[in-house]
Each structure stands twice: as structure tokens, then as C-alpha cells.
C-alpha atoms as a PDB file:
ATOM      1  CA  MET A   1      19.737  38.084  -9.221  1.00  0.00           C
ATOM      2  CA  ASN A   2      20.568  39.216  -5.743  1.00  0.00           C
ATOM      3  CA  ARG A   3      20.950  37.348  -2.767  1.00  0.00           C
ATOM      4  CA  ARG A   4      17.280  36.936  -1.519  1.00  0.00           C
ATOM      5  CA  GLN A   5      16.477  35.925  -4.969  1.00  0.00           C
ATOM      6  CA  ALA A   6      18.989  33.168  -5.052  1.00  0.00           C
ATOM      7  CA  LEU A   7      18.191  31.622  -1.370  1.00  0.00           C
ATOM      8  CA  THR A   8      14.906  31.476  -2.663  1.00  0.00           C
ATOM      9  CA  GLY A   9      15.867  29.976  -5.410  1.00  0.00           C
ATOM     10  CA  LEU A  10      17.702  27.452  -2.996  1.00  0.00           C
ATOM     11  CA  ALA A  11      14.413  26.288  -1.051  1.00  0.00           C
ATOM     12  CA  GLY A  12      12.598  25.957  -4.046  1.00  0.00           C
ATOM     13  CA  ILE A  13      14.786  23.649  -4.983  1.00  0.00           C
ATOM     14  CA  GLY A  14      15.004  21.993  -1.342  1.00  0.00           C
ATOM     15  CA  LEU A  15      11.593  21.706  -1.059  1.00  0.00           C
ATOM     16  CA  THR A  16      10.346  20.454  -4.682  1.00  0.00           C
ATOM     17  CA  GLY A  17      13.526  17.441  -3.941  1.00  0.00           C
ATOM     18  CA  GLY A  18      12.057  16.929  -0.881  1.00  0.00           C
ATOM     19  CA  SER A  19       8.179  15.797  -1.885  1.00  0.00           C
ATOM     20  CA  LEU A  20       9.711  14.427  -4.914  1.00  0.00           C
ATOM     21  CA  TRP A  21      11.802  11.956  -2.721  1.00  0.00           C
ATOM     22  CA  VAL A  22       8.543  11.681  -0.832  1.00  0.00           C
ATOM     23  CA  VAL A  23       6.195  10.999  -3.774  1.00  0.00           C
ATOM     24  CA  ARG A  24       8.895   8.366  -5.120  1.00  0.00           C
ATOM     25  CA  GLY A  25       8.829   5.932  -2.399  1.00  0.00           C
ATOM     26  CA  ASN A  26      11.461   7.009   0.035  1.00  0.00           C
ATOM     27  CA  ASP A  27       9.592   8.898   2.882  1.00  0.00           C
ATOM     28  CA  THR A  28       9.898   6.424   5.644  1.00  0.00           C
ATOM     29  CA  SER A  29       9.370   9.142   8.691  1.00  0.00           C
ATOM     30  CA  ARG A  30       5.776   7.253   9.721  1.00  0.00           C
ATOM     31  CA  ALA A  31       7.019   4.578  10.967  1.00  0.00           C
ATOM     32  CA  ASP A  32       5.022   4.774  14.762  1.00  0.00           C
ATOM     33  CA  ALA A  33       1.987   4.797  12.907  1.00  0.00           C
ATOM     34  CA  PHE A  34       1.596   1.156  12.909  1.00  0.00           C
ATOM     35  CA  PRO A  35       0.264  -1.105  14.107  1.00  0.00           C
ATOM     36  CA  ILE A  36      -3.334  -1.068  12.777  1.00  0.00           C
ATOM     37  CA  THR A  37      -6.254  -3.262  12.670  1.00  0.00           C
ATOM     38  CA  VAL A  38      -8.580  -3.801   9.695  1.00  0.00           C
ATOM     39  CA  GLU A  39     -11.581  -5.622   9.303  1.00  0.00           C
ATOM     40  CA  THR A  40     -11.358  -8.433   6.825  1.00  0.00           C
ATOM     41  CA  ILE A  41     -13.815 -10.034   4.749  1.00  0.00           C
ATOM     42  CA  ASP A  42     -14.426 -13.607   3.238  1.00  0.00           C
ATOM     43  CA  ALA A  43     -13.297 -14.106   0.112  1.00  0.00           C
ATOM     44  CA  THR A  44     -10.961 -16.098  -1.700  1.00  0.00           C
ATOM     45  CA  GLY A  45      -7.651 -16.304   0.685  1.00  0.00           C
ATOM     46  CA  SER A  46      -9.273 -13.926   3.034  1.00  0.00           C
ATOM     47  CA  THR A  47     -11.631 -14.961   6.289  1.00  0.00           C
ATOM     48  CA  ALA A  48     -13.505 -12.710   7.970  1.00  0.00           C
ATOM     49  CA  GLY A  49     -12.714 -10.851  11.019  1.00  0.00           C
ATOM     50  CA  GLU A  50      -9.035  -9.700  12.054  1.00  0.00           C
ATOM     51  CA  THR A  51      -5.577  -9.016  10.085  1.00  0.00           C
ATOM     52  CA  THR A  52      -2.741  -6.746  12.135  1.00  0.00           C
ATOM     53  CA  LEU A  53      -0.856  -4.489   9.714  1.00  0.00           C
ATOM     54  CA  PRO A  54       1.960  -5.103   9.621  1.00  0.00           C
ATOM     55  CA  VAL A  55       1.252  -9.158   9.580  1.00  0.00           C
ATOM     56  CA  ALA A  56       3.340 -10.364  12.653  1.00  0.00           C
ATOM     57  CA  ASP A  57       6.980 -11.401  11.904  1.00  0.00           C
ATOM     58  CA  ALA A  58       6.797 -10.730   8.365  1.00  0.00           C
ATOM     59  CA  PRO A  59       7.759  -7.713   6.370  1.00  0.00           C
ATOM     60  CA  THR A  60       3.927  -6.922   4.918  1.00  0.00           C
ATOM     61  CA  LEU A  61       2.600  -5.385   0.955  1.00  0.00           C
ATOM     62  CA  ILE A  62      -0.337  -3.694   1.863  1.00  0.00           C
ATOM     63  CA  ASP A  63      -2.396  -2.648  -1.478  1.00  0.00           C
ATOM     64  CA  CYS A  64      -4.676   0.607  -0.947  1.00  0.00           C
ATOM     65  CA  PHE A  65      -7.434  -0.458  -3.573  1.00  0.00           C
ATOM     66  CA  ALA A  66     -11.002   0.293  -4.644  1.00  0.00           C
ATOM     67  CA  THR A  67     -13.540  -1.197  -6.602  1.00  0.00           C
ATOM     68  CA  TRP A  68     -13.993   1.786  -8.878  1.00  0.00           C
ATOM     69  CA  CYS A  69     -11.039   2.194  -9.452  1.00  0.00           C
ATOM     70  CA  ASP A  70      -9.532   1.649 -13.856  1.00  0.00           C
ATOM     71  CA  PRO A  71      -5.793   1.643 -12.746  1.00  0.00           C
ATOM     72  CA  CYS A  72      -5.647  -0.423  -9.655  1.00  0.00           C
ATOM     73  CA  LYS A  73      -8.289  -3.113 -12.176  1.00  0.00           C
ATOM     74  CA  GLU A  74      -5.098  -2.706 -14.845  1.00  0.00           C
ATOM     75  CA  GLN A  75      -2.135  -3.608 -12.104  1.00  0.00           C
ATOM     76  CA  PHE A  76      -4.440  -6.095 -10.259  1.00  0.00           C
ATOM     77  CA  PRO A  77      -2.514  -9.025 -12.198  1.00  0.00           C
ATOM     78  CA  LYS A  78       0.557  -7.746 -11.607  1.00  0.00           C
ATOM     79  CA  LEU A  79       0.043  -7.725  -8.056  1.00  0.00           C
ATOM     80  CA  ALA A  80      -1.404 -11.518  -7.993  1.00  0.00           C
ATOM     81  CA  ASP A  81       1.975 -12.492 -10.132  1.00  0.00           C
ATOM     82  CA  LEU A  82       4.475 -11.047  -7.263  1.00  0.00           C
ATOM     83  CA  HIS A  83       2.414 -12.519  -4.923  1.00  0.00           C
ATOM     84  CA  ALA A  84       2.739 -16.144  -6.638  1.00  0.00           C
ATOM     85  CA  GLU A  85       5.967 -14.855  -6.639  1.00  0.00           C
ATOM     86  CA  PHE A  86       6.334 -13.678  -2.990  1.00  0.00           C
ATOM     87  CA  GLY A  87       4.239 -14.343  -0.902  1.00  0.00           C
ATOM     88  CA  GLU A  88       5.232 -16.986   1.006  1.00  0.00           C
ATOM     89  CA  SER A  89       8.174 -14.623   2.611  1.00  0.00           C
ATOM     90  CA  VAL A  90       6.294 -11.335   2.556  1.00  0.00           C
ATOM     91  CA  ALA A  91       2.516 -11.125   3.553  1.00  0.00           C
ATOM     92  CA  PHE A  92      -0.004  -8.795   1.269  1.00  0.00           C
ATOM     93  CA  VAL A  93      -2.989  -7.276   2.038  1.00  0.00           C
ATOM     94  CA  SER A  94      -4.655  -5.198   0.097  1.00  0.00           C
ATOM     95  CA  VAL A  95      -7.243  -2.511   2.165  1.00  0.00           C
ATOM     96  CA  THR A  96     -10.154  -0.077   0.680  1.00  0.00           C
ATOM     97  CA  ASN A  97     -11.497   2.358   2.383  1.00  0.00           C
ATOM     98  CA  GLU A  98     -14.539   2.437   0.843  1.00  0.00           C
ATOM     99  CA  LEU A  99     -18.059   2.323   2.418  1.00  0.00           C
ATOM    100  CA  ILE A 100     -18.657  -1.698   2.613  1.00  0.00           C
ATOM    101  CA  GLY A 101     -22.012  -2.313   4.401  1.00  0.00           C
ATOM    102  CA  ARG A 102     -23.297   1.618   3.600  1.00  0.00           C
ATOM    103  CA  GLY A 103     -22.768   2.701   0.085  1.00  0.00           C
ATOM    104  CA  THR A 104     -20.328  -0.708  -1.182  1.00  0.00           C
ATOM    105  CA  PRO A 105     -22.347  -3.912  -0.572  1.00  0.00           C
ATOM    106  CA  ARG A 106     -20.106  -6.413   0.940  1.00  0.00           C
ATOM    107  CA  ASP A 107     -21.243  -8.742  -1.675  1.00  0.00           C
ATOM    108  CA  GLU A 108     -19.791  -6.924  -4.649  1.00  0.00           C
ATOM    109  CA  LEU A 109     -16.568  -6.099  -2.367  1.00  0.00           C
ATOM    110  CA  ARG A 110     -16.587 -10.064  -2.856  1.00  0.00           C
ATOM    111  CA  ARG A 111     -16.947 -10.148  -5.654  1.00  0.00           C
ATOM    112  CA  TRP A 112     -15.074  -7.539  -7.531  1.00  0.00           C
ATOM    113  CA  TRP A 113     -12.040  -9.439  -5.121  1.00  0.00           C
ATOM    114  CA  ASP A 114     -12.960 -12.904  -6.368  1.00  0.00           C
ATOM    115  CA  THR A 115     -13.217 -11.562 -10.291  1.00  0.00           C
ATOM    116  CA  HIS A 116      -9.314  -9.519  -9.924  1.00  0.00           C
ATOM    117  CA  GLY A 117      -7.819 -12.769  -8.668  1.00  0.00           C
ATOM    118  CA  GLY A 118      -7.724 -11.917  -5.208  1.00  0.00           C
ATOM    119  CA  ALA A 119      -5.444 -14.521  -3.285  1.00  0.00           C
ATOM    120  CA  TRP A 120      -4.533 -12.704  -0.324  1.00  0.00           C
ATOM    121  CA  PRO A 121      -6.154 -10.563   2.741  1.00  0.00           C
ATOM    122  CA  VAL A 122      -8.680  -7.885   1.778  1.00  0.00           C
ATOM    123  CA  GLY A 123      -9.768  -5.693   4.513  1.00  0.00           C
ATOM    124  CA  ILE A 124     -11.382  -2.930   5.292  1.00  0.00           C
ATOM    125  CA  ASP A 125      -9.873   0.576   5.790  1.00  0.00           C
ATOM    126  CA  ARG A 126     -12.869   2.323   7.345  1.00  0.00           C
ATOM    127  CA  ASP A 127     -11.621   5.321   9.241  1.00  0.00           C
ATOM    128  CA  GLY A 128      -8.377   6.157   6.687  1.00  0.00           C
ATOM    129  CA  ALA A 129      -6.217   4.918   9.417  1.00  0.00           C
ATOM    130  CA  VAL A 130      -3.175   2.922   7.060  1.00  0.00           C
ATOM    131  CA  LEU A 131      -4.059   5.100   4.143  1.00  0.00           C
ATOM    132  CA  ALA A 132      -2.799   8.194   6.554  1.00  0.00           C
ATOM    133  CA  ALA A 133       0.328   5.516   7.861  1.00  0.00           C
ATOM    134  CA  ILE A 134       1.260   5.538   4.494  1.00  0.00           C
ATOM    135  CA  GLY A 135       0.979   8.796   3.089  1.00  0.00           C
ATOM    136  CA  ALA A 136      -1.243   8.014   0.548  1.00  0.00           C
ATOM    137  CA  SER A 137      -3.026  10.630  -1.327  1.00  0.00           C
ATOM    138  CA  SER A 138      -4.189   8.362  -4.159  1.00  0.00           C
ATOM    139  CA  ILE A 139      -5.164   4.837  -5.040  1.00  0.00           C
ATOM    140  CA  PRO A 140      -4.012   3.069  -6.055  1.00  0.00           C
ATOM    141  CA  SER A 141      -1.408   3.697  -3.440  1.00  0.00           C
ATOM    142  CA  LEU A 142       1.295   0.450  -1.864  1.00  0.00           C
ATOM    143  CA  ALA A 143       3.866   0.742   0.743  1.00  0.00           C
ATOM    144  CA  ILE A 144       5.799  -2.244   1.898  1.00  0.00           C
ATOM    145  CA  VAL A 145       6.260  -2.195   6.027  1.00  0.00           C
ATOM    146  CA  ASP A 146       8.768  -4.786   7.449  1.00  0.00           C
ATOM    147  CA  ALA A 147       8.242  -6.473  10.816  1.00  0.00           C
ATOM    148  CA  THR A 148       8.587  -3.365  13.085  1.00  0.00           C
ATOM    149  CA  GLY A 149       6.305  -1.103  11.368  1.00  0.00           C
ATOM    150  CA  ALA A 150       8.983   0.703   9.796  1.00  0.00           C
ATOM    151  CA  ILE A 151       7.614   1.866   6.937  1.00  0.00           C
ATOM    152  CA  GLN A 152      10.452   0.560   3.776  1.00  0.00           C
ATOM    153  CA  TRP A 153       9.039   1.858   0.423  1.00  0.00           C
ATOM    154  CA  THR A 154       5.628   3.273  -0.263  1.00  0.00           C
ATOM    155  CA  ASP A 155       4.941   4.479  -4.615  1.00  0.00           C
ATOM    156  CA  SER A 156       1.336   5.639  -5.207  1.00  0.00           C
ATOM    157  CA  GLY A 157      -0.357   5.268  -9.463  1.00  0.00           C
ATOM    158  CA  GLN A 158       0.288   2.481 -11.346  1.00  0.00           C
ATOM    159  CA  PHE A 159       3.611   0.681 -10.008  1.00  0.00           C
ATOM    160  CA  ASP A 160       6.513  -0.301 -12.044  1.00  0.00           C
ATOM    161  CA  VAL A 161       7.026  -4.237 -11.763  1.00  0.00           C
ATOM    162  CA  ALA A 162      11.191  -4.462 -11.311  1.00  0.00           C
ATOM    163  CA  SER A 163      11.162  -1.518  -9.423  1.00  0.00           C
ATOM    164  CA  LEU A 164       8.616  -3.889  -6.993  1.00  0.00           C
ATOM    165  CA  ARG A 165      10.146  -6.882  -7.613  1.00  0.00           C
ATOM    166  CA  THR A 166      12.941  -5.913  -6.440  1.00  0.00           C
ATOM    167  CA  GLN A 167      12.232  -4.003  -3.662  1.00  0.00           C
ATOM    168  CA  LEU A 168      10.039  -7.102  -2.333  1.00  0.00           C
ATOM    169  CA  ALA A 169      13.015  -9.727  -2.723  1.00  0.00           C
ATOM    170  CA  ALA A 170      15.086  -7.452  -0.502  1.00  0.00           C
ATOM    171  CA  VAL A 171      12.831  -7.484   1.838  1.00  0.00           C
ATOM    172  CA  SER A 172      12.388 -10.697   1.735  1.00  0.00           C
ATOM    173  CA  GLU A 173      16.151 -11.960   2.095  1.00  0.00           C
ATOM    174  CA  SER A 174      16.507 -10.071   4.957  1.00  0.00           C
ATOM    175  CA  ARG A 175      14.020 -11.978   6.905  1.00  0.00           C
END
């Protein structure tokens, strides 16, 4: 093996490791992306209007979902359980980037929310700003953002309940 091959191999390992670090929920470099204001709908636990992410003076769990997303449906009861456990110390906000009012009727989103046990604000990420801010490349995606707007944790796909519980406990204790 010559020097060029060795350096190329090391660079590849570094890139792969860095990519895994980001994917596994540790990229906090997008702290300047917040605050972001999203429209909210009238549904269980949510009122029509707007909310700003992160929620003022609170760490915020941001759940990016879609009504057509089966993994979103599967993980929703787990989120509801965690909301019951941490909802007093961590704000929960779910957002969808579906075309509400243009592709998906607002009533359909409301029915989905109520059927799946939503009990916290649900918003519409019309321009994908929330997804971009947390670096989401797929749905479902989650992020915990502290009150200053710094991303503390991210995850995409099905989340591990124990890991998320640990993260929520850590930010709720730091309040």
C-alpha cells in the first residue's frame, strides 16, 4: 500500500465516521436555524394560530411526521407515552410538511391527529424550514432543541424509546 492509498483510506474512514455521527443524532451545528414560526391547526391539544420553535423558555421535542407515513403511525403511541411523562418540562410540537389545504385537507390532518392520540400542538411546515433546520432527510424525524435554539439531539426513522427518554430527562433536568 502506498502513501496515497493510505491517506485516501483514512479520509474515507473520517468521512464515514462523521456521517454516522450526524445520522446518529449528534450534529448540533445548525443552532442558528431557530427560531422558526409554524402555523398550527385546531385539533386535540393544539389551537389554530402559530407557534414558535423552540417554544419560549422550554426545551422542545420536534416531531416531523406525515399522515401517510406508516412508521410515524407506529411510533406515535410511544411519543404519546413520553409526552405524558415529560410534557410538563419539555414542550412537544409535531409538524408535517404535507400540502395541508392544497393536497391534504385540514380535516384529514385533524382526524389523523385525533385518531392517533395527539395531545400537543400540531403545525404545518409549509416551506420545509423545520425539516431543514434539524437536518432531516426522511420522515419520521425527531429533534430536541433547547430554549436557546441549539439542537441537542436528532434521530430519523423509528426511535429507540430508552434513548429518547434519556435525552428528554437530560434536557428537562437542565431547565
